[in-house]
ModelCIF file with pLDDT and N, C-alpha, C, O atoms, coordinates in Angstrom:
data_MODEL
#
_entry.id   MODEL 
#
_entity.id                         1 
_entity.type                       polymer 
_entity.pdbx_number_of_molecules   1 
#
_entity_poly.entity_id                      1 
_entity_poly.type                           'polypeptide(L)' 
_entity_poly.nstd_linkage                   no 
_entity_poly.nstd_monomer                   no 
_entity_poly.pdbx_seq_one_letter_code       VTVVNDWVDLYINYYKPQVTGEQQEQDRTLQELRQELNNLSAPFL 
_entity_poly.pdbx_seq_one_letter_code_can   VTVVNDWVDLYINYYKPQVTGEQQEQDRTLQELRQELNNLSAPFL 
_entity_poly.pdbx_strand_id                 A 
#
loop_
_entity_poly_seq.entity_id 
_entity_poly_seq.num 
_entity_poly_seq.mon_id 
_entity_poly_seq.hetero 
1 1  VAL n 
1 2  THR n 
1 3  VAL n 
1 4  VAL n 
1 5  ASN n 
1 6  ASP n 
1 7  TRP n 
1 8  VAL n 
1 9  ASP n 
1 10 LEU n 
1 11 TYR n 
1 12 ILE n 
1 13 ASN n 
1 14 TYR n 
1 15 TYR n 
1 16 LYS n 
1 17 PRO n 
1 18 GLN n 
1 19 VAL n 
1 20 THR n 
1 21 GLY n 
1 22 GLU n 
1 23 GLN n 
1 24 GLN n 
1 25 GLU n 
1 26 GLN n 
1 27 ASP n 
1 28 ARG n 
1 29 THR n 
1 30 LEU n 
1 31 GLN n 
1 32 GLU n 
1 33 LEU n 
1 34 ARG n 
1 35 GLN n 
1 36 GLU n 
1 37 LEU n 
1 38 ASN n 
1 39 ASN n 
1 40 LEU n 
1 41 SER n 
1 42 ALA n 
1 43 PRO n 
1 44 PHE n 
1 45 LEU n 
#
_struct_asym.id          A 
_struct_asym.entity_id   1 
#
loop_
_ma_qa_metric.id 
_ma_qa_metric.mode 
_ma_qa_metric.name 
_ma_qa_metric.software_group_id 
_ma_qa_metric.type 
1 global pLDDT . pLDDT 
2 local  pLDDT . pLDDT 
#
_ma_qa_metric_global.metric_id      1 
_ma_qa_metric_global.metric_value   96.87 
_ma_qa_metric_global.model_id       1 
_ma_qa_metric_global.ordinal_id     1 
#
loop_
_ma_qa_metric_local.label_asym_id 
_ma_qa_metric_local.label_comp_id 
_ma_qa_metric_local.label_seq_id 
_ma_qa_metric_local.metric_id 
_ma_qa_metric_local.metric_value 
_ma_qa_metric_local.model_id 
_ma_qa_metric_local.ordinal_id 
A VAL 1  2 97.00 1 1  
A THR 2  2 97.00 1 2  
A VAL 3  2 96.00 1 3  
A VAL 4  2 97.00 1 4  
A ASN 5  2 98.00 1 5  
A ASP 6  2 98.00 1 6  
A TRP 7  2 98.00 1 7  
A VAL 8  2 98.00 1 8  
A ASP 9  2 98.00 1 9  
A LEU 10 2 98.00 1 10 
A TYR 11 2 98.00 1 11 
A ILE 12 2 98.00 1 12 
A ASN 13 2 98.00 1 13 
A TYR 14 2 97.00 1 14 
A TYR 15 2 97.00 1 15 
A LYS 16 2 97.00 1 16 
A PRO 17 2 97.00 1 17 
A GLN 18 2 96.00 1 18 
A VAL 19 2 96.00 1 19 
A THR 20 2 94.00 1 20 
A GLY 21 2 94.00 1 21 
A GLU 22 2 94.00 1 22 
A GLN 23 2 95.00 1 23 
A GLN 24 2 95.00 1 24 
A GLU 25 2 95.00 1 25 
A GLN 26 2 95.00 1 26 
A ASP 27 2 96.00 1 27 
A ARG 28 2 96.00 1 28 
A THR 29 2 97.00 1 29 
A LEU 30 2 97.00 1 30 
A GLN 31 2 97.00 1 31 
A GLU 32 2 97.00 1 32 
A LEU 33 2 98.00 1 33 
A ARG 34 2 98.00 1 34 
A GLN 35 2 98.00 1 35 
A GLU 36 2 98.00 1 36 
A LEU 37 2 98.00 1 37 
A ASN 38 2 98.00 1 38 
A ASN 39 2 98.00 1 39 
A LEU 40 2 98.00 1 40 
A SER 41 2 98.00 1 41 
A ALA 42 2 97.00 1 42 
A PRO 43 2 97.00 1 43 
A PHE 44 2 96.00 1 44 
A LEU 45 2 96.00 1 45 
#
loop_
_atom_site.group_PDB 
_atom_site.id 
_atom_site.type_symbol 
_atom_site.label_atom_id 
_atom_site.label_alt_id 
_atom_site.label_comp_id 
_atom_site.label_asym_id 
_atom_site.label_entity_id 
_atom_site.label_seq_id 
_atom_site.pdbx_PDB_ins_code 
_atom_site.Cartn_x 
_atom_site.Cartn_y 
_atom_site.Cartn_z 
_atom_site.occupancy 
_atom_site.B_iso_or_equiv 
_atom_site.pdbx_formal_charge 
_atom_site.auth_seq_id 
_atom_site.auth_comp_id 
_atom_site.auth_asym_id 
_atom_site.auth_atom_id 
_atom_site.pdbx_PDB_model_num 
ATOM 1   N N  . VAL A 1 1  ? 105.212 53.720 100.408 1.00 97.00 ? 1  VAL A N  1 
ATOM 2   C CA . VAL A 1 1  ? 105.006 53.580 98.964  1.00 97.00 ? 1  VAL A CA 1 
ATOM 3   C C  . VAL A 1 1  ? 103.648 54.163 98.586  1.00 97.00 ? 1  VAL A C  1 
ATOM 4   O O  . VAL A 1 1  ? 103.520 54.851 97.573  1.00 97.00 ? 1  VAL A O  1 
ATOM 5   N N  . THR A 1 2  ? 102.643 53.886 99.401  1.00 97.00 ? 2  THR A N  1 
ATOM 6   C CA . THR A 1 2  ? 101.303 54.434 99.148  1.00 97.00 ? 2  THR A CA 1 
ATOM 7   C C  . THR A 1 2  ? 101.314 55.958 99.225  1.00 97.00 ? 2  THR A C  1 
ATOM 8   O O  . THR A 1 2  ? 100.708 56.630 98.390  1.00 97.00 ? 2  THR A O  1 
ATOM 9   N N  . VAL A 1 3  ? 101.999 56.496 100.219 1.00 96.00 ? 3  VAL A N  1 
ATOM 10  C CA . VAL A 1 3  ? 102.101 57.950 100.367 1.00 96.00 ? 3  VAL A CA 1 
ATOM 11  C C  . VAL A 1 3  ? 102.763 58.560 99.134  1.00 96.00 ? 3  VAL A C  1 
ATOM 12  O O  . VAL A 1 3  ? 102.266 59.541 98.582  1.00 96.00 ? 3  VAL A O  1 
ATOM 13  N N  . VAL A 1 4  ? 103.870 57.986 98.708  1.00 97.00 ? 4  VAL A N  1 
ATOM 14  C CA . VAL A 1 4  ? 104.592 58.516 97.543  1.00 97.00 ? 4  VAL A CA 1 
ATOM 15  C C  . VAL A 1 4  ? 103.726 58.410 96.288  1.00 97.00 ? 4  VAL A C  1 
ATOM 16  O O  . VAL A 1 4  ? 103.695 59.342 95.484  1.00 97.00 ? 4  VAL A O  1 
ATOM 17  N N  . ASN A 1 5  ? 103.031 57.303 96.109  1.00 98.00 ? 5  ASN A N  1 
ATOM 18  C CA . ASN A 1 5  ? 102.129 57.173 94.956  1.00 98.00 ? 5  ASN A CA 1 
ATOM 19  C C  . ASN A 1 5  ? 101.026 58.220 95.004  1.00 98.00 ? 5  ASN A C  1 
ATOM 20  O O  . ASN A 1 5  ? 100.632 58.758 93.969  1.00 98.00 ? 5  ASN A O  1 
ATOM 21  N N  . ASP A 1 6  ? 100.527 58.509 96.199  1.00 98.00 ? 6  ASP A N  1 
ATOM 22  C CA . ASP A 1 6  ? 99.519  59.562 96.348  1.00 98.00 ? 6  ASP A CA 1 
ATOM 23  C C  . ASP A 1 6  ? 100.087 60.928 95.994  1.00 98.00 ? 6  ASP A C  1 
ATOM 24  O O  . ASP A 1 6  ? 99.406  61.750 95.380  1.00 98.00 ? 6  ASP A O  1 
ATOM 25  N N  . TRP A 1 7  ? 101.348 61.173 96.385  1.00 98.00 ? 7  TRP A N  1 
ATOM 26  C CA . TRP A 1 7  ? 101.990 62.440 96.019  1.00 98.00 ? 7  TRP A CA 1 
ATOM 27  C C  . TRP A 1 7  ? 102.102 62.562 94.506  1.00 98.00 ? 7  TRP A C  1 
ATOM 28  O O  . TRP A 1 7  ? 101.826 63.622 93.945  1.00 98.00 ? 7  TRP A O  1 
ATOM 29  N N  . VAL A 1 8  ? 102.508 61.476 93.842  1.00 98.00 ? 8  VAL A N  1 
ATOM 30  C CA . VAL A 1 8  ? 102.615 61.492 92.379  1.00 98.00 ? 8  VAL A CA 1 
ATOM 31  C C  . VAL A 1 8  ? 101.253 61.802 91.769  1.00 98.00 ? 8  VAL A C  1 
ATOM 32  O O  . VAL A 1 8  ? 101.154 62.633 90.866  1.00 98.00 ? 8  VAL A O  1 
ATOM 33  N N  . ASP A 1 9  ? 100.208 61.146 92.250  1.00 98.00 ? 9  ASP A N  1 
ATOM 34  C CA . ASP A 1 9  ? 98.855  61.406 91.735  1.00 98.00 ? 9  ASP A CA 1 
ATOM 35  C C  . ASP A 1 9  ? 98.446  62.860 91.966  1.00 98.00 ? 9  ASP A C  1 
ATOM 36  O O  . ASP A 1 9  ? 97.826  63.478 91.101  1.00 98.00 ? 9  ASP A O  1 
ATOM 37  N N  . LEU A 1 10 ? 98.794  63.403 93.132  1.00 98.00 ? 10 LEU A N  1 
ATOM 38  C CA . LEU A 1 10 ? 98.484  64.799 93.445  1.00 98.00 ? 10 LEU A CA 1 
ATOM 39  C C  . LEU A 1 10 ? 99.149  65.735 92.445  1.00 98.00 ? 10 LEU A C  1 
ATOM 40  O O  . LEU A 1 10 ? 98.519  66.666 91.945  1.00 98.00 ? 10 LEU A O  1 
ATOM 41  N N  . TYR A 1 11 ? 100.417 65.488 92.157  1.00 98.00 ? 11 TYR A N  1 
ATOM 42  C CA . TYR A 1 11 ? 101.126 66.329 91.193  1.00 98.00 ? 11 TYR A CA 1 
ATOM 43  C C  . TYR A 1 11 ? 100.536 66.192 89.794  1.00 98.00 ? 11 TYR A C  1 
ATOM 44  O O  . TYR A 1 11 ? 100.386 67.190 89.089  1.00 98.00 ? 11 TYR A O  1 
ATOM 45  N N  . ILE A 1 12 ? 100.204 64.985 89.390  1.00 98.00 ? 12 ILE A N  1 
ATOM 46  C CA . ILE A 1 12 ? 99.599  64.777 88.069  1.00 98.00 ? 12 ILE A CA 1 
ATOM 47  C C  . ILE A 1 12 ? 98.284  65.554 87.973  1.00 98.00 ? 12 ILE A C  1 
ATOM 48  O O  . ILE A 1 12 ? 98.029  66.243 86.985  1.00 98.00 ? 12 ILE A O  1 
ATOM 49  N N  . ASN A 1 13 ? 97.460  65.436 89.007  1.00 98.00 ? 13 ASN A N  1 
ATOM 50  C CA . ASN A 1 13 ? 96.172  66.134 88.997  1.00 98.00 ? 13 ASN A CA 1 
ATOM 51  C C  . ASN A 1 13 ? 96.342  67.649 89.043  1.00 98.00 ? 13 ASN A C  1 
ATOM 52  O O  . ASN A 1 13 ? 95.539  68.383 88.467  1.00 98.00 ? 13 ASN A O  1 
ATOM 53  N N  . TYR A 1 14 ? 97.379  68.116 89.721  1.00 97.00 ? 14 TYR A N  1 
ATOM 54  C CA . TYR A 1 14 ? 97.638  69.553 89.786  1.00 97.00 ? 14 TYR A CA 1 
ATOM 55  C C  . TYR A 1 14 ? 98.059  70.097 88.415  1.00 97.00 ? 14 TYR A C  1 
ATOM 56  O O  . TYR A 1 14 ? 97.595  71.156 87.994  1.00 97.00 ? 14 TYR A O  1 
ATOM 57  N N  . TYR A 1 15 ? 98.930  69.373 87.731  1.00 97.00 ? 15 TYR A N  1 
ATOM 58  C CA . TYR A 1 15 ? 99.459  69.866 86.461  1.00 97.00 ? 15 TYR A CA 1 
ATOM 59  C C  . TYR A 1 15 ? 98.565  69.559 85.264  1.00 97.00 ? 15 TYR A C  1 
ATOM 60  O O  . TYR A 1 15 ? 98.711  70.185 84.214  1.00 97.00 ? 15 TYR A O  1 
ATOM 61  N N  . LYS A 1 16 ? 97.665  68.630 85.397  1.00 97.00 ? 16 LYS A N  1 
ATOM 62  C CA . LYS A 1 16 ? 96.827  68.211 84.270  1.00 97.00 ? 16 LYS A CA 1 
ATOM 63  C C  . LYS A 1 16 ? 96.119  69.384 83.578  1.00 97.00 ? 16 LYS A C  1 
ATOM 64  O O  . LYS A 1 16 ? 96.136  69.443 82.348  1.00 97.00 ? 16 LYS A O  1 
ATOM 65  N N  . PRO A 1 17 ? 95.502  70.313 84.305  1.00 97.00 ? 17 PRO A N  1 
ATOM 66  C CA . PRO A 1 17 ? 94.824  71.422 83.610  1.00 97.00 ? 17 PRO A CA 1 
ATOM 67  C C  . PRO A 1 17 ? 95.776  72.379 82.896  1.00 97.00 ? 17 PRO A C  1 
ATOM 68  O O  . PRO A 1 17 ? 95.346  73.167 82.054  1.00 97.00 ? 17 PRO A O  1 
ATOM 69  N N  . GLN A 1 18 ? 97.060  72.316 83.225  1.00 96.00 ? 18 GLN A N  1 
ATOM 70  C CA . GLN A 1 18 ? 98.028  73.235 82.632  1.00 96.00 ? 18 GLN A CA 1 
ATOM 71  C C  . GLN A 1 18 ? 98.688  72.676 81.372  1.00 96.00 ? 18 GLN A C  1 
ATOM 72  O O  . GLN A 1 18 ? 99.401  73.398 80.674  1.00 96.00 ? 18 GLN A O  1 
ATOM 73  N N  . VAL A 1 19 ? 98.455  71.402 81.079  1.00 96.00 ? 19 VAL A N  1 
ATOM 74  C CA . VAL A 1 19 ? 99.050  70.761 79.905  1.00 96.00 ? 19 VAL A CA 1 
ATOM 75  C C  . VAL A 1 19 ? 98.344  71.280 78.655  1.00 96.00 ? 19 VAL A C  1 
ATOM 76  O O  . VAL A 1 19 ? 97.125  71.446 78.639  1.00 96.00 ? 19 VAL A O  1 
ATOM 77  N N  . THR A 1 20 ? 99.133  71.532 77.606  1.00 94.00 ? 20 THR A N  1 
ATOM 78  C CA . THR A 1 20 ? 98.573  72.079 76.371  1.00 94.00 ? 20 THR A CA 1 
ATOM 79  C C  . THR A 1 20 ? 98.661  71.060 75.236  1.00 94.00 ? 20 THR A C  1 
ATOM 80  O O  . THR A 1 20 ? 99.298  70.014 75.360  1.00 94.00 ? 20 THR A O  1 
ATOM 81  N N  . GLY A 1 21 ? 98.007  71.397 74.132  1.00 94.00 ? 21 GLY A N  1 
ATOM 82  C CA . GLY A 1 21 ? 98.080  70.570 72.931  1.00 94.00 ? 21 GLY A CA 1 
ATOM 83  C C  . GLY A 1 21 ? 96.875  69.667 72.769  1.00 94.00 ? 21 GLY A C  1 
ATOM 84  O O  . GLY A 1 21 ? 95.929  69.692 73.556  1.00 94.00 ? 21 GLY A O  1 
ATOM 85  N N  . GLU A 1 22 ? 96.948  68.859 71.703  1.00 94.00 ? 22 GLU A N  1 
ATOM 86  C CA . GLU A 1 22 ? 95.896  67.881 71.417  1.00 94.00 ? 22 GLU A CA 1 
ATOM 87  C C  . GLU A 1 22 ? 95.866  66.823 72.513  1.00 94.00 ? 22 GLU A C  1 
ATOM 88  O O  . GLU A 1 22 ? 96.797  66.720 73.312  1.00 94.00 ? 22 GLU A O  1 
ATOM 89  N N  . GLN A 1 23 ? 94.802  66.044 72.545  1.00 95.00 ? 23 GLN A N  1 
ATOM 90  C CA . GLN A 1 23 ? 94.635  65.034 73.597  1.00 95.00 ? 23 GLN A CA 1 
ATOM 91  C C  . GLN A 1 23 ? 95.813  64.068 73.648  1.00 95.00 ? 23 GLN A C  1 
ATOM 92  O O  . GLN A 1 23 ? 96.277  63.719 74.734  1.00 95.00 ? 23 GLN A O  1 
ATOM 93  N N  . GLN A 1 24 ? 96.298  63.634 72.497  1.00 95.00 ? 24 GLN A N  1 
ATOM 94  C CA . GLN A 1 24 ? 97.434  62.711 72.462  1.00 95.00 ? 24 GLN A CA 1 
ATOM 95  C C  . GLN A 1 24 ? 98.674  63.362 73.078  1.00 95.00 ? 24 GLN A C  1 
ATOM 96  O O  . GLN A 1 24 ? 99.410  62.713 73.821  1.00 95.00 ? 24 GLN A O  1 
ATOM 97  N N  . GLU A 1 25 ? 98.902  64.615 72.778  1.00 95.00 ? 25 GLU A N  1 
ATOM 98  C CA . GLU A 1 25 ? 100.022 65.366 73.350  1.00 95.00 ? 25 GLU A CA 1 
ATOM 99  C C  . GLU A 1 25 ? 99.871  65.471 74.865  1.00 95.00 ? 25 GLU A C  1 
ATOM 100 O O  . GLU A 1 25 ? 100.837 65.280 75.603  1.00 95.00 ? 25 GLU A O  1 
ATOM 101 N N  . GLN A 1 26 ? 98.675  65.770 75.319  1.00 95.00 ? 26 GLN A N  1 
ATOM 102 C CA . GLN A 1 26 ? 98.416  65.887 76.756  1.00 95.00 ? 26 GLN A CA 1 
ATOM 103 C C  . GLN A 1 26 ? 98.665  64.549 77.456  1.00 95.00 ? 26 GLN A C  1 
ATOM 104 O O  . GLN A 1 26 ? 99.297  64.498 78.511  1.00 95.00 ? 26 GLN A O  1 
ATOM 105 N N  . ASP A 1 27 ? 98.166  63.481 76.864  1.00 96.00 ? 27 ASP A N  1 
ATOM 106 C CA . ASP A 1 27 ? 98.349  62.148 77.452  1.00 96.00 ? 27 ASP A CA 1 
ATOM 107 C C  . ASP A 1 27 ? 99.827  61.786 77.547  1.00 96.00 ? 27 ASP A C  1 
ATOM 108 O O  . ASP A 1 27 ? 100.277 61.276 78.573  1.00 96.00 ? 27 ASP A O  1 
ATOM 109 N N  . ARG A 1 28 ? 100.581 62.046 76.483  1.00 96.00 ? 28 ARG A N  1 
ATOM 110 C CA . ARG A 1 28 ? 102.011 61.748 76.480  1.00 96.00 ? 28 ARG A CA 1 
ATOM 111 C C  . ARG A 1 28 ? 102.751 62.580 77.518  1.00 96.00 ? 28 ARG A C  1 
ATOM 112 O O  . ARG A 1 28 ? 103.657 62.085 78.188  1.00 96.00 ? 28 ARG A O  1 
ATOM 113 N N  . THR A 1 29 ? 102.363 63.846 77.649  1.00 97.00 ? 29 THR A N  1 
ATOM 114 C CA . THR A 1 29 ? 103.000 64.730 78.629  1.00 97.00 ? 29 THR A CA 1 
ATOM 115 C C  . THR A 1 29 ? 102.758 64.223 80.047  1.00 97.00 ? 29 THR A C  1 
ATOM 116 O O  . THR A 1 29 ? 103.689 64.142 80.848  1.00 97.00 ? 29 THR A O  1 
ATOM 117 N N  . LEU A 1 30 ? 101.519 63.884 80.354  1.00 97.00 ? 30 LEU A N  1 
ATOM 118 C CA . LEU A 1 30 ? 101.197 63.399 81.699  1.00 97.00 ? 30 LEU A CA 1 
ATOM 119 C C  . LEU A 1 30 ? 101.859 62.056 81.977  1.00 97.00 ? 30 LEU A C  1 
ATOM 120 O O  . LEU A 1 30 ? 102.283 61.792 83.102  1.00 97.00 ? 30 LEU A O  1 
ATOM 121 N N  . GLN A 1 31 ? 101.949 61.215 80.965  1.00 97.00 ? 31 GLN A N  1 
ATOM 122 C CA . GLN A 1 31 ? 102.629 59.930 81.122  1.00 97.00 ? 31 GLN A CA 1 
ATOM 123 C C  . GLN A 1 31 ? 104.117 60.160 81.407  1.00 97.00 ? 31 GLN A C  1 
ATOM 124 O O  . GLN A 1 31 ? 104.693 59.509 82.278  1.00 97.00 ? 31 GLN A O  1 
ATOM 125 N N  . GLU A 1 32 ? 104.725 61.073 80.680  1.00 97.00 ? 32 GLU A N  1 
ATOM 126 C CA . GLU A 1 32 ? 106.146 61.361 80.895  1.00 97.00 ? 32 GLU A CA 1 
ATOM 127 C C  . GLU A 1 32 ? 106.365 61.992 82.273  1.00 97.00 ? 32 GLU A C  1 
ATOM 128 O O  . GLU A 1 32 ? 107.338 61.671 82.956  1.00 97.00 ? 32 GLU A O  1 
ATOM 129 N N  . LEU A 1 33 ? 105.464 62.887 82.681  1.00 98.00 ? 33 LEU A N  1 
ATOM 130 C CA . LEU A 1 33 ? 105.577 63.487 84.010  1.00 98.00 ? 33 LEU A CA 1 
ATOM 131 C C  . LEU A 1 33 ? 105.475 62.416 85.086  1.00 98.00 ? 33 LEU A C  1 
ATOM 132 O O  . LEU A 1 33 ? 106.258 62.416 86.035  1.00 98.00 ? 33 LEU A O  1 
ATOM 133 N N  . ARG A 1 34 ? 104.519 61.506 84.947  1.00 98.00 ? 34 ARG A N  1 
ATOM 134 C CA . ARG A 1 34 ? 104.365 60.426 85.924  1.00 98.00 ? 34 ARG A CA 1 
ATOM 135 C C  . ARG A 1 34 ? 105.635 59.579 85.985  1.00 98.00 ? 34 ARG A C  1 
ATOM 136 O O  . ARG A 1 34 ? 106.099 59.232 87.071  1.00 98.00 ? 34 ARG A O  1 
ATOM 137 N N  . GLN A 1 35 ? 106.191 59.250 84.832  1.00 98.00 ? 35 GLN A N  1 
ATOM 138 C CA . GLN A 1 35 ? 107.420 58.435 84.790  1.00 98.00 ? 35 GLN A CA 1 
ATOM 139 C C  . GLN A 1 35 ? 108.575 59.156 85.475  1.00 98.00 ? 35 GLN A C  1 
ATOM 140 O O  . GLN A 1 35 ? 109.331 58.546 86.231  1.00 98.00 ? 35 GLN A O  1 
ATOM 141 N N  . GLU A 1 36 ? 108.711 60.442 85.211  1.00 98.00 ? 36 GLU A N  1 
ATOM 142 C CA . GLU A 1 36 ? 109.802 61.205 85.815  1.00 98.00 ? 36 GLU A CA 1 
ATOM 143 C C  . GLU A 1 36 ? 109.632 61.307 87.333  1.00 98.00 ? 36 GLU A C  1 
ATOM 144 O O  . GLU A 1 36 ? 110.612 61.208 88.071  1.00 98.00 ? 36 GLU A O  1 
ATOM 145 N N  . LEU A 1 37 ? 108.406 61.503 87.800  1.00 98.00 ? 37 LEU A N  1 
ATOM 146 C CA . LEU A 1 37 ? 108.166 61.580 89.241  1.00 98.00 ? 37 LEU A CA 1 
ATOM 147 C C  . LEU A 1 37 ? 108.423 60.224 89.900  1.00 98.00 ? 37 LEU A C  1 
ATOM 148 O O  . LEU A 1 37 ? 108.965 60.156 91.003  1.00 98.00 ? 37 LEU A O  1 
ATOM 149 N N  . ASN A 1 38 ? 108.036 59.166 89.228  1.00 98.00 ? 38 ASN A N  1 
ATOM 150 C CA . ASN A 1 38 ? 108.327 57.821 89.751  1.00 98.00 ? 38 ASN A CA 1 
ATOM 151 C C  . ASN A 1 38 ? 109.837 57.581 89.812  1.00 98.00 ? 38 ASN A C  1 
ATOM 152 O O  . ASN A 1 38 ? 110.339 56.981 90.762  1.00 98.00 ? 38 ASN A O  1 
ATOM 153 N N  . ASN A 1 39 ? 110.557 58.055 88.790  1.00 98.00 ? 39 ASN A N  1 
ATOM 154 C CA . ASN A 1 39 ? 112.018 57.923 88.788  1.00 98.00 ? 39 ASN A CA 1 
ATOM 155 C C  . ASN A 1 39 ? 112.642 58.677 89.959  1.00 98.00 ? 39 ASN A C  1 
ATOM 156 O O  . ASN A 1 39 ? 113.577 58.189 90.593  1.00 98.00 ? 39 ASN A O  1 
ATOM 157 N N  . LEU A 1 40 ? 112.117 59.867 90.240  1.00 98.00 ? 40 LEU A N  1 
ATOM 158 C CA . LEU A 1 40 ? 112.628 60.650 91.363  1.00 98.00 ? 40 LEU A CA 1 
ATOM 159 C C  . LEU A 1 40 ? 112.304 59.997 92.703  1.00 98.00 ? 40 LEU A C  1 
ATOM 160 O O  . LEU A 1 40 ? 113.075 60.120 93.655  1.00 98.00 ? 40 LEU A O  1 
ATOM 161 N N  . SER A 1 41 ? 111.183 59.313 92.784  1.00 98.00 ? 41 SER A N  1 
ATOM 162 C CA . SER A 1 41 ? 110.771 58.730 94.061  1.00 98.00 ? 41 SER A CA 1 
ATOM 163 C C  . SER A 1 41 ? 111.532 57.450 94.394  1.00 98.00 ? 41 SER A C  1 
ATOM 164 O O  . SER A 1 41 ? 111.604 57.075 95.565  1.00 98.00 ? 41 SER A O  1 
ATOM 165 N N  . ALA A 1 42 ? 112.094 56.777 93.410  1.00 97.00 ? 42 ALA A N  1 
ATOM 166 C CA . ALA A 1 42 ? 112.788 55.505 93.661  1.00 97.00 ? 42 ALA A CA 1 
ATOM 167 C C  . ALA A 1 42 ? 113.944 55.659 94.654  1.00 97.00 ? 42 ALA A C  1 
ATOM 168 O O  . ALA A 1 42 ? 114.009 54.882 95.607  1.00 97.00 ? 42 ALA A O  1 
ATOM 169 N N  . PRO A 1 43 ? 114.864 56.625 94.479  1.00 97.00 ? 43 PRO A N  1 
ATOM 170 C CA . PRO A 1 43 ? 115.942 56.772 95.464  1.00 97.00 ? 43 PRO A CA 1 
ATOM 171 C C  . PRO A 1 43 ? 115.413 57.164 96.852  1.00 97.00 ? 43 PRO A C  1 
ATOM 172 O O  . PRO A 1 43 ? 115.963 56.746 97.870  1.00 97.00 ? 43 PRO A O  1 
ATOM 173 N N  . PHE A 1 44 ? 114.350 57.960 96.882  1.00 96.00 ? 44 PHE A N  1 
ATOM 174 C CA . PHE A 1 44 ? 113.743 58.332 98.162  1.00 96.00 ? 44 PHE A CA 1 
ATOM 175 C C  . PHE A 1 44 ? 113.234 57.094 98.888  1.00 96.00 ? 44 PHE A C  1 
ATOM 176 O O  . PHE A 1 44 ? 113.461 56.933 100.087 1.00 96.00 ? 44 PHE A O  1 
ATOM 177 N N  . LEU A 1 45 ? 112.545 56.218 98.158  1.00 96.00 ? 45 LEU A N  1 
ATOM 178 C CA . LEU A 1 45 ? 112.024 54.996 98.776  1.00 96.00 ? 45 LEU A CA 1 
ATOM 179 C C  . LEU A 1 45 ? 113.162 54.067 99.200  1.00 96.00 ? 45 LEU A C  1 
ATOM 180 O O  . LEU A 1 45 ? 112.912 52.990 99.739  1.00 96.00 ? 45 LEU A O  1 
#
């Protein structure tokens, strides 16, 4: 679980500089990305 959470954090940090828009848009995008990655990791776990 820790490894998978670290992978999610790695992906968030990798994509963060590529997110566009106002700060609120960026925050929502990263939140949605985190949620989607967590959703993908559930069946794996």
